[in-house]
C-alpha atoms as a PDB file:
ATOM      1  CA  MET A   1     195.729  -2.860 159.092  1.00  0.00           C
ATOM      2  CA  PRO A   2     192.716  -1.985 161.583  1.00  0.00           C
ATOM      3  CA  LEU A   3     190.712   1.010 160.441  1.00  0.00           C
ATOM      4  CA  LYS A   4     190.938   3.927 161.998  1.00  0.00           C
ATOM      5  CA  LYS A   5     188.101   5.746 164.545  1.00  0.00           C
ATOM      6  CA  GLY A   6     186.883   8.564 164.204  1.00  0.00           C
ATOM      7  CA  SER A   7     183.529  10.087 162.213  1.00  0.00           C
ATOM      8  CA  SER A   8     185.715  12.996 160.114  1.00  0.00           C
ATOM      9  CA  ARG A   9     185.379  12.704 156.272  1.00  0.00           C
ATOM     10  CA  LYS A  10     189.140  12.565 156.002  1.00  0.00           C
ATOM     11  CA  THR A  11     189.183   9.710 159.032  1.00  0.00           C
ATOM     12  CA  ILE A  12     186.436   8.165 156.558  1.00  0.00           C
ATOM     13  CA  GLY A  13     188.217   8.511 153.072  1.00  0.00           C
ATOM     14  CA  ARG A  14     191.336   7.261 154.423  1.00  0.00           C
ATOM     15  CA  ASN A  15     189.577   4.291 155.730  1.00  0.00           C
ATOM     16  CA  ILE A  16     187.504   3.520 152.262  1.00  0.00           C
ATOM     17  CA  ALA A  17     190.761   4.055 150.709  1.00  0.00           C
ATOM     18  CA  GLU A  18     193.119   1.186 152.579  1.00  0.00           C
ATOM     19  CA  MET A  19     190.413  -0.832 152.501  1.00  0.00           C
ATOM     20  CA  VAL A  20     190.028  -0.552 148.423  1.00  0.00           C
ATOM     21  CA  ASP A  21     194.212  -0.918 148.541  1.00  0.00           C
ATOM     22  CA  SER A  22     193.670  -4.167 150.809  1.00  0.00           C
ATOM     23  CA  TRP A  23     191.118  -5.295 148.289  1.00  0.00           C
ATOM     24  CA  GLU A  24     193.779  -4.919 145.262  1.00  0.00           C
ATOM     25  CA  ASP A  25     196.330  -7.424 147.075  1.00  0.00           C
ATOM     26  CA  SER A  26     194.084  -9.619 148.565  1.00  0.00           C
ATOM     27  CA  GLY A  27     190.384  -9.750 146.912  1.00  0.00           C
ATOM     28  CA  LYS A  28     188.348  -9.216 150.107  1.00  0.00           C
ATOM     29  CA  ILE A  29     187.304  -6.777 152.290  1.00  0.00           C
ATOM     30  CA  GLY A  30     186.756  -8.633 155.478  1.00  0.00           C
ATOM     31  CA  THR A  31     185.191 -11.776 154.505  1.00  0.00           C
ATOM     32  CA  SER A  32     183.338 -10.707 151.415  1.00  0.00           C
ATOM     33  CA  ARG A  33     184.968 -11.187 148.212  1.00  0.00           C
ATOM     34  CA  PRO A  34     184.270  -8.273 145.862  1.00  0.00           C
ATOM     35  CA  ARG A  35     184.279  -9.249 142.288  1.00  0.00           C
ATOM     36  CA  SER A  36     184.971  -6.109 141.002  1.00  0.00           C
ATOM     37  CA  LYS A  37     186.819  -2.381 142.048  1.00  0.00           C
ATOM     38  CA  LYS A  38     183.361  -0.404 142.415  1.00  0.00           C
ATOM     39  CA  LYS A  39     181.270  -2.934 144.306  1.00  0.00           C
ATOM     40  CA  ALA A  40     184.786  -2.896 146.523  1.00  0.00           C
ATOM     41  CA  LEU A  41     184.250   0.496 146.679  1.00  0.00           C
ATOM     42  CA  LYS A  42     180.662   0.423 148.017  1.00  0.00           C
ATOM     43  CA  GLN A  43     181.821  -2.558 150.693  1.00  0.00           C
ATOM     44  CA  ALA A  44     184.079  -0.270 151.975  1.00  0.00           C
ATOM     45  CA  VAL A  45     182.775   3.090 152.172  1.00  0.00           C
ATOM     46  CA  ALA A  46     179.333   0.920 153.942  1.00  0.00           C
ATOM     47  CA  VAL A  47     181.754  -0.602 156.654  1.00  0.00           C
ATOM     48  CA  SER A  48     183.536   2.751 156.723  1.00  0.00           C
ATOM     49  CA  LEU A  49     180.258   4.857 157.260  1.00  0.00           C
ATOM     50  CA  LYS A  50     179.178   1.939 159.602  1.00  0.00           C
ATOM     51  CA  LYS A  51     182.506   2.161 161.925  1.00  0.00           C
ATOM     52  CA  ALA A  52     182.544   6.335 162.222  1.00  0.00           C
ATOM     53  CA  GLY A  53     178.516   5.713 163.494  1.00  0.00           C
ATOM     54  CA  LYS A  54     177.268   7.911 160.538  1.00  0.00           C
ATOM     55  CA  SER A  55     175.615   4.748 158.281  1.00  0.00           C
ATOM     56  CA  LYS A  56     171.919   5.443 156.791  1.00  0.00           C
ATOM     57  CA  TYR A  57     171.509   1.578 158.948  1.00  0.00           C
ATOM     58  CA  GLN A  58     172.403   2.445 162.407  1.00  0.00           C
ATOM     59  CA  LYS A  59     170.410   0.696 164.941  1.00  0.00           C
ATOM     60  CA  PRO A  60     168.517   3.361 167.222  1.00  0.00           C
ATOM     61  CA  ARG A  61     170.570   4.134 170.806  1.00  0.00           C
ATOM     62  CA  LYS A  62     170.499   2.324 173.441  1.00  0.00           C
ATOM     63  CA  ALA A  63     168.360   3.670 176.201  1.00  0.00           C
ATOM     64  CA  THR A  64     170.960   5.686 178.977  1.00  0.00           C
ATOM     65  CA  ALA A  65     169.777   4.336 183.119  1.00  0.00           C
ATOM     66  CA  SER A  66     167.930   8.047 183.536  1.00  0.00           C
ATOM     67  CA  ARG A  67     166.410   7.819 179.941  1.00  0.00           C
ATOM     68  CA  ALA A  68     165.054   4.150 181.214  1.00  0.00           C
ATOM     69  CA  LYS A  69     163.730   5.465 184.411  1.00  0.00           C
ATOM     70  CA  ARG A  70     162.008   8.502 182.889  1.00  0.00           C
ATOM     71  CA  LEU A  71     160.186   6.136 180.193  1.00  0.00           C
ATOM     72  CA  VAL A  72     159.174   3.447 182.444  1.00  0.00           C
ATOM     73  CA  ARG A  73     157.395   6.847 184.600  1.00  0.00           C
ATOM     74  CA  LEU A  74     155.714   7.226 181.792  1.00  0.00           C
ATOM     75  CA  ALA A  75     154.729   3.964 180.740  1.00  0.00           C
ATOM     76  CA  HIS A  76     153.501   3.143 184.316  1.00  0.00           C
ATOM     77  CA  PRO A  77     152.634   6.119 186.329  1.00  0.00           C
ATOM     78  CA  ILE A  78     152.416   5.672 190.194  1.00  0.00           C
ATOM     79  CA  PRO A  79     148.699   6.301 191.022  1.00  0.00           C
ATOM     80  CA  ALA A  80     148.293   9.637 193.101  1.00  0.00           C
ATOM     81  CA  GLN A  81     147.530   9.060 197.274  1.00  0.00           C
ATOM     82  CA  HIS A  82     144.580  11.062 197.912  1.00  0.00           C
ATOM     83  CA  SER A  83     144.241  12.382 202.184  1.00  0.00           C
ATOM     84  CA  ALA A  84     140.859  12.112 202.538  1.00  0.00           C
END
């Protein structure tokens, strides 16, 4: 069964429980095969937090269009036109 979307503690906890249950049945979490329940639990926590966007190891957020324009302007300022 696919993991639920959401970032609440309740959703994350349910996803962890579901993955550990599936590990007990099949011995796999995704493509990995944790040997012990403790390792399976750690893997399930990591995957659930990553899915919820609360992982300790998140990639930096992408620049939105408006943020990208601002960064370009700051990096390459247009020289001022002087009327003499």
